[in-house]
Amino acid sequence: MFTHVMIGSNDLERSKDFYDATFVALGGKPGAVDARGRLIYAHDGGRLMITKPIDGNPATSANGGTIGISASGRDHVLAWHKAGTTHGGSAIESPPSERPNGAFVAYLRDPDGNKLTARSQPTA
Protein backbone atom coordinates (compact mmCIF):
# COMPACT_ATOMS: atom_id res chain seq x y z
CA MET A 1 0.00 0.00 0.00
CA PHE A 2 2.68 2.54 0.98
CA THR A 3 5.78 3.33 -1.05
CA HIS A 4 7.61 5.10 1.77
CA VAL A 5 7.37 7.21 4.91
CA MET A 6 8.91 10.71 4.82
CA ILE A 7 9.61 12.66 7.99
CA GLY A 8 11.19 16.03 8.57
CA SER A 9 14.32 16.88 10.49
CA ASN A 10 15.91 20.13 11.58
CA ASP A 11 19.38 18.53 11.70
CA LEU A 12 20.09 15.88 9.06
CA GLU A 13 23.54 15.02 10.46
CA ARG A 14 22.03 14.30 13.88
CA SER A 15 19.26 12.26 12.22
CA LYS A 16 21.80 10.27 10.19
CA ASP A 17 23.73 9.38 13.36
CA PHE A 18 20.51 8.22 15.09
CA TYR A 19 18.97 6.31 12.17
CA ASP A 20 22.25 4.75 11.00
CA ALA A 21 22.74 3.32 14.51
CA THR A 22 19.17 2.06 14.88
CA PHE A 23 18.93 0.47 11.43
CA VAL A 24 22.35 -1.19 11.74
CA ALA A 25 21.13 -2.63 15.09
CA LEU A 26 18.26 -4.26 13.14
CA GLY A 27 20.62 -5.73 10.54
CA GLY A 28 20.12 -2.95 8.00
CA LYS A 29 22.57 -0.55 6.40
CA PRO A 30 23.40 3.10 7.02
CA GLY A 31 21.35 5.59 5.06
CA ALA A 32 22.31 7.13 1.76
CA VAL A 33 21.93 10.79 0.84
CA ASP A 34 20.24 11.38 -2.50
CA ALA A 35 20.86 14.25 -4.96
CA ARG A 36 18.22 16.35 -3.16
CA GLY A 37 19.95 15.96 0.22
CA ARG A 38 17.40 13.55 1.69
CA LEU A 39 18.43 10.58 3.85
CA ILE A 40 17.10 7.29 2.53
CA TYR A 41 16.88 4.00 4.41
CA ALA A 42 15.71 0.82 2.69
CA HIS A 43 15.24 -2.39 4.66
CA ASP A 44 13.11 -5.50 4.11
CA GLY A 45 11.09 -3.83 1.35
CA GLY A 46 10.33 -0.69 3.38
CA ARG A 47 11.69 2.78 2.79
CA LEU A 48 12.13 5.66 5.26
CA MET A 49 13.15 9.08 3.99
CA ILE A 50 14.22 12.05 6.11
CA THR A 51 14.42 15.60 4.80
CA LYS A 52 14.44 19.23 5.81
CA PRO A 53 10.92 20.55 5.18
CA ILE A 54 10.50 21.82 1.62
CA ASP A 55 8.54 24.87 2.79
CA GLY A 56 11.50 26.11 4.85
CA ASN A 57 9.60 25.97 8.16
CA PRO A 58 10.91 23.95 11.11
CA ALA A 59 10.22 20.21 11.17
CA THR A 60 7.78 19.07 13.83
CA SER A 61 6.73 15.60 14.96
CA ALA A 62 3.24 14.23 14.37
CA ASN A 63 1.02 14.31 17.44
CA GLY A 64 -0.54 10.85 17.64
CA GLY A 65 1.62 9.43 14.86
CA THR A 66 3.91 6.42 15.24
CA ILE A 67 6.27 4.85 12.72
CA GLY A 68 6.48 1.06 13.18
CA ILE A 69 9.69 -0.73 12.26
CA SER A 70 9.83 -4.51 11.88
CA ALA A 71 12.44 -6.42 13.88
CA SER A 72 13.30 -10.10 13.59
CA GLY A 73 13.08 -10.77 17.32
CA ARG A 74 13.58 -9.65 20.90
CA ASP A 75 17.37 -9.24 20.58
CA HIS A 76 17.01 -6.92 17.58
CA VAL A 77 14.36 -4.83 19.38
CA LEU A 78 16.66 -4.47 22.40
CA ALA A 79 19.66 -3.59 20.19
CA TRP A 80 17.54 -1.01 18.31
CA HIS A 81 16.38 0.56 21.58
CA LYS A 82 19.92 0.72 22.99
CA ALA A 83 21.34 2.17 19.75
CA GLY A 84 18.59 4.78 19.68
CA THR A 85 19.06 5.96 23.26
CA THR A 86 22.85 6.02 22.75
CA HIS A 87 22.52 8.16 19.60
CA GLY A 88 20.22 10.96 20.75
CA GLY A 89 16.85 9.25 21.02
CA SER A 90 14.63 9.16 24.09
CA ALA A 91 13.01 6.07 25.60
CA ILE A 92 9.26 6.59 25.95
CA GLU A 93 6.21 4.73 27.19
CA SER A 94 6.90 1.36 28.81
CA PRO A 95 10.32 -0.30 28.85
CA PRO A 96 10.89 -2.80 26.02
CA SER A 97 8.52 -5.66 26.72
CA GLU A 98 6.56 -8.61 25.39
CA ARG A 99 2.92 -7.97 24.54
CA PRO A 100 0.12 -10.46 25.29
CA ASN A 101 0.14 -11.56 21.61
CA GLY A 102 3.85 -12.50 21.83
CA ALA A 103 5.26 -9.47 19.95
CA PHE A 104 8.29 -7.85 21.60
CA VAL A 105 8.02 -4.04 21.45
CA ALA A 106 10.03 -0.91 22.29
CA TYR A 107 9.33 2.79 21.77
CA LEU A 108 11.61 5.78 21.16
CA ARG A 109 11.43 9.38 20.07
CA ASP A 110 14.08 10.33 17.55
CA PRO A 111 16.10 13.55 18.09
CA ASP A 112 13.39 15.57 16.29
CA GLY A 113 10.58 14.10 18.41
CA ASN A 114 9.15 11.58 15.94
CA LYS A 115 7.63 8.55 17.71
CA LEU A 116 9.01 5.19 16.61
CA THR A 117 8.38 1.61 17.61
CA ALA A 118 10.38 -1.50 16.79
CA ARG A 119 8.51 -4.76 17.17
CA SER A 120 8.93 -8.40 16.43
CA GLN A 121 6.05 -10.33 14.93
CA PRO A 122 3.61 -11.97 17.36
CA THR A 123 4.19 -15.63 18.14
CA ALA A 124 0.46 -16.39 18.42
C-alpha atoms as a PDB file:
ATOM      1  CA  MET A   1       0.000   0.000   0.000  1.00  0.00           C
ATOM      2  CA  PHE A   2       2.679   2.536   0.978  1.00  0.00           C
ATOM      3  CA  THR A   3       5.776   3.330  -1.049  1.00  0.00           C
ATOM      4  CA  HIS A   4       7.607   5.097   1.770  1.00  0.00           C
ATOM      5  CA  VAL A   5       7.374   7.212   4.907  1.00  0.00           C
ATOM      6  CA  MET A   6       8.907  10.709   4.824  1.00  0.00           C
ATOM      7  CA  ILE A   7       9.610  12.659   7.993  1.00  0.00           C
ATOM      8  CA  GLY A   8      11.193  16.034   8.568  1.00  0.00           C
ATOM      9  CA  SER A   9      14.324  16.879  10.489  1.00  0.00           C
ATOM     10  CA  ASN A  10      15.912  20.134  11.582  1.00  0.00           C
ATOM     11  CA  ASP A  11      19.376  18.534  11.701  1.00  0.00           C
ATOM     12  CA  LEU A  12      20.086  15.876   9.063  1.00  0.00           C
ATOM     13  CA  GLU A  13      23.541  15.017  10.458  1.00  0.00           C
ATOM     14  CA  ARG A  14      22.029  14.302  13.879  1.00  0.00           C
ATOM     15  CA  SER A  15      19.264  12.261  12.222  1.00  0.00           C
ATOM     16  CA  LYS A  16      21.798  10.274  10.193  1.00  0.00           C
ATOM     17  CA  ASP A  17      23.726   9.384  13.363  1.00  0.00           C
ATOM     18  CA  PHE A  18      20.511   8.219  15.092  1.00  0.00           C
ATOM     19  CA  TYR A  19      18.970   6.308  12.174  1.00  0.00           C
ATOM     20  CA  ASP A  20      22.250   4.749  10.997  1.00  0.00           C
ATOM     21  CA  ALA A  21      22.739   3.325  14.506  1.00  0.00           C
ATOM     22  CA  THR A  22      19.171   2.057  14.879  1.00  0.00           C
ATOM     23  CA  PHE A  23      18.934   0.472  11.433  1.00  0.00           C
ATOM     24  CA  VAL A  24      22.346  -1.191  11.744  1.00  0.00           C
ATOM     25  CA  ALA A  25      21.132  -2.629  15.088  1.00  0.00           C
ATOM     26  CA  LEU A  26      18.263  -4.256  13.137  1.00  0.00           C
ATOM     27  CA  GLY A  27      20.622  -5.731  10.541  1.00  0.00           C
ATOM     28  CA  GLY A  28      20.124  -2.947   8.000  1.00  0.00           C
ATOM     29  CA  LYS A  29      22.568  -0.551   6.395  1.00  0.00           C
ATOM     30  CA  PRO A  30      23.404   3.098   7.024  1.00  0.00           C
ATOM     31  CA  GLY A  31      21.346   5.590   5.056  1.00  0.00           C
ATOM     32  CA  ALA A  32      22.313   7.129   1.760  1.00  0.00           C
ATOM     33  CA  VAL A  33      21.932  10.790   0.840  1.00  0.00           C
ATOM     34  CA  ASP A  34      20.235  11.384  -2.503  1.00  0.00           C
ATOM     35  CA  ALA A  35      20.857  14.253  -4.962  1.00  0.00           C
ATOM     36  CA  ARG A  36      18.220  16.354  -3.156  1.00  0.00           C
ATOM     37  CA  GLY A  37      19.955  15.957   0.218  1.00  0.00           C
ATOM     38  CA  ARG A  38      17.398  13.546   1.691  1.00  0.00           C
ATOM     39  CA  LEU A  39      18.430  10.580   3.849  1.00  0.00           C
ATOM     40  CA  ILE A  40      17.104   7.285   2.527  1.00  0.00           C
ATOM     41  CA  TYR A  41      16.884   4.005   4.413  1.00  0.00           C
ATOM     42  CA  ALA A  42      15.715   0.824   2.692  1.00  0.00           C
ATOM     43  CA  HIS A  43      15.242  -2.394   4.662  1.00  0.00           C
ATOM     44  CA  ASP A  44      13.113  -5.501   4.112  1.00  0.00           C
ATOM     45  CA  GLY A  45      11.093  -3.831   1.353  1.00  0.00           C
ATOM     46  CA  GLY A  46      10.330  -0.691   3.377  1.00  0.00           C
ATOM     47  CA  ARG A  47      11.688   2.783   2.791  1.00  0.00           C
ATOM     48  CA  LEU A  48      12.132   5.659   5.258  1.00  0.00           C
ATOM     49  CA  MET A  49      13.153   9.077   3.987  1.00  0.00           C
ATOM     50  CA  ILE A  50      14.223  12.051   6.106  1.00  0.00           C
ATOM     51  CA  THR A  51      14.424  15.596   4.804  1.00  0.00           C
ATOM     52  CA  LYS A  52      14.444  19.230   5.809  1.00  0.00           C
ATOM     53  CA  PRO A  53      10.925  20.546   5.176  1.00  0.00           C
ATOM     54  CA  ILE A  54      10.499  21.818   1.620  1.00  0.00           C
ATOM     55  CA  ASP A  55       8.537  24.873   2.787  1.00  0.00           C
ATOM     56  CA  GLY A  56      11.502  26.106   4.854  1.00  0.00           C
ATOM     57  CA  ASN A  57       9.601  25.969   8.157  1.00  0.00           C
ATOM     58  CA  PRO A  58      10.914  23.950  11.113  1.00  0.00           C
ATOM     59  CA  ALA A  59      10.224  20.212  11.165  1.00  0.00           C
ATOM     60  CA  THR A  60       7.782  19.070  13.831  1.00  0.00           C
ATOM     61  CA  SER A  61       6.728  15.601  14.961  1.00  0.00           C
ATOM     62  CA  ALA A  62       3.241  14.232  14.372  1.00  0.00           C
ATOM     63  CA  ASN A  63       1.022  14.312  17.442  1.00  0.00           C
ATOM     64  CA  GLY A  64      -0.540  10.848  17.638  1.00  0.00           C
ATOM     65  CA  GLY A  65       1.620   9.428  14.856  1.00  0.00           C
ATOM     66  CA  THR A  66       3.908   6.420  15.242  1.00  0.00           C
ATOM     67  CA  ILE A  67       6.266   4.846  12.717  1.00  0.00           C
ATOM     68  CA  GLY A  68       6.475   1.065  13.178  1.00  0.00           C
ATOM     69  CA  ILE A  69       9.687  -0.735  12.258  1.00  0.00           C
ATOM     70  CA  SER A  70       9.831  -4.505  11.882  1.00  0.00           C
ATOM     71  CA  ALA A  71      12.436  -6.418  13.879  1.00  0.00           C
ATOM     72  CA  SER A  72      13.302 -10.099  13.589  1.00  0.00           C
ATOM     73  CA  GLY A  73      13.079 -10.769  17.324  1.00  0.00           C
ATOM     74  CA  ARG A  74      13.584  -9.652  20.905  1.00  0.00           C
ATOM     75  CA  ASP A  75      17.368  -9.238  20.582  1.00  0.00           C
ATOM     76  CA  HIS A  76      17.005  -6.922  17.577  1.00  0.00           C
ATOM     77  CA  VAL A  77      14.362  -4.832  19.379  1.00  0.00           C
ATOM     78  CA  LEU A  78      16.655  -4.471  22.399  1.00  0.00           C
ATOM     79  CA  ALA A  79      19.657  -3.593  20.185  1.00  0.00           C
ATOM     80  CA  TRP A  80      17.538  -1.008  18.310  1.00  0.00           C
ATOM     81  CA  HIS A  81      16.381   0.561  21.580  1.00  0.00           C
ATOM     82  CA  LYS A  82      19.918   0.725  22.988  1.00  0.00           C
ATOM     83  CA  ALA A  83      21.338   2.174  19.750  1.00  0.00           C
ATOM     84  CA  GLY A  84      18.592   4.778  19.683  1.00  0.00           C
ATOM     85  CA  THR A  85      19.064   5.958  23.262  1.00  0.00           C
ATOM     86  CA  THR A  86      22.849   6.021  22.750  1.00  0.00           C
ATOM     87  CA  HIS A  87      22.520   8.159  19.601  1.00  0.00           C
ATOM     88  CA  GLY A  88      20.223  10.955  20.751  1.00  0.00           C
ATOM     89  CA  GLY A  89      16.846   9.245  21.017  1.00  0.00           C
ATOM     90  CA  SER A  90      14.632   9.162  24.095  1.00  0.00           C
ATOM     91  CA  ALA A  91      13.008   6.072  25.604  1.00  0.00           C
ATOM     92  CA  ILE A  92       9.258   6.585  25.954  1.00  0.00           C
ATOM     93  CA  GLU A  93       6.206   4.726  27.192  1.00  0.00           C
ATOM     94  CA  SER A  94       6.899   1.363  28.810  1.00  0.00           C
ATOM     95  CA  PRO A  95      10.324  -0.296  28.845  1.00  0.00           C
ATOM     96  CA  PRO A  96      10.893  -2.802  26.019  1.00  0.00           C
ATOM     97  CA  SER A  97       8.515  -5.660  26.721  1.00  0.00           C
ATOM     98  CA  GLU A  98       6.564  -8.609  25.393  1.00  0.00           C
ATOM     99  CA  ARG A  99       2.920  -7.973  24.539  1.00  0.00           C
ATOM    100  CA  PRO A 100       0.120 -10.459  25.288  1.00  0.00           C
ATOM    101  CA  ASN A 101       0.144 -11.556  21.614  1.00  0.00           C
ATOM    102  CA  GLY A 102       3.846 -12.501  21.825  1.00  0.00           C
ATOM    103  CA  ALA A 103       5.257  -9.472  19.952  1.00  0.00           C
ATOM    104  CA  PHE A 104       8.291  -7.848  21.596  1.00  0.00           C
ATOM    105  CA  VAL A 105       8.021  -4.043  21.451  1.00  0.00           C
ATOM    106  CA  ALA A 106      10.035  -0.913  22.288  1.00  0.00           C
ATOM    107  CA  TYR A 107       9.330   2.788  21.769  1.00  0.00           C
ATOM    108  CA  LEU A 108      11.612   5.780  21.165  1.00  0.00           C
ATOM    109  CA  ARG A 109      11.426   9.382  20.068  1.00  0.00           C
ATOM    110  CA  ASP A 110      14.082  10.335  17.547  1.00  0.00           C
ATOM    111  CA  PRO A 111      16.100  13.549  18.088  1.00  0.00           C
ATOM    112  CA  ASP A 112      13.386  15.569  16.286  1.00  0.00           C
ATOM    113  CA  GLY A 113      10.576  14.098  18.413  1.00  0.00           C
ATOM    114  CA  ASN A 114       9.147  11.576  15.942  1.00  0.00           C
ATOM    115  CA  LYS A 115       7.635   8.550  17.713  1.00  0.00           C
ATOM    116  CA  LEU A 116       9.014   5.185  16.613  1.00  0.00           C
ATOM    117  CA  THR A 117       8.381   1.606  17.613  1.00  0.00           C
ATOM    118  CA  ALA A 118      10.381  -1.503  16.792  1.00  0.00           C
ATOM    119  CA  ARG A 119       8.508  -4.759  17.172  1.00  0.00           C
ATOM    120  CA  SER A 120       8.933  -8.402  16.435  1.00  0.00           C
ATOM    121  CA  GLN A 121       6.047 -10.331  14.925  1.00  0.00           C
ATOM    122  CA  PRO A 122       3.609 -11.974  17.355  1.00  0.00           C
ATOM    123  CA  THR A 123       4.187 -15.626  18.143  1.00  0.00           C
ATOM    124  CA  ALA A 124       0.463 -16.391  18.424  1.00  0.00           C
END
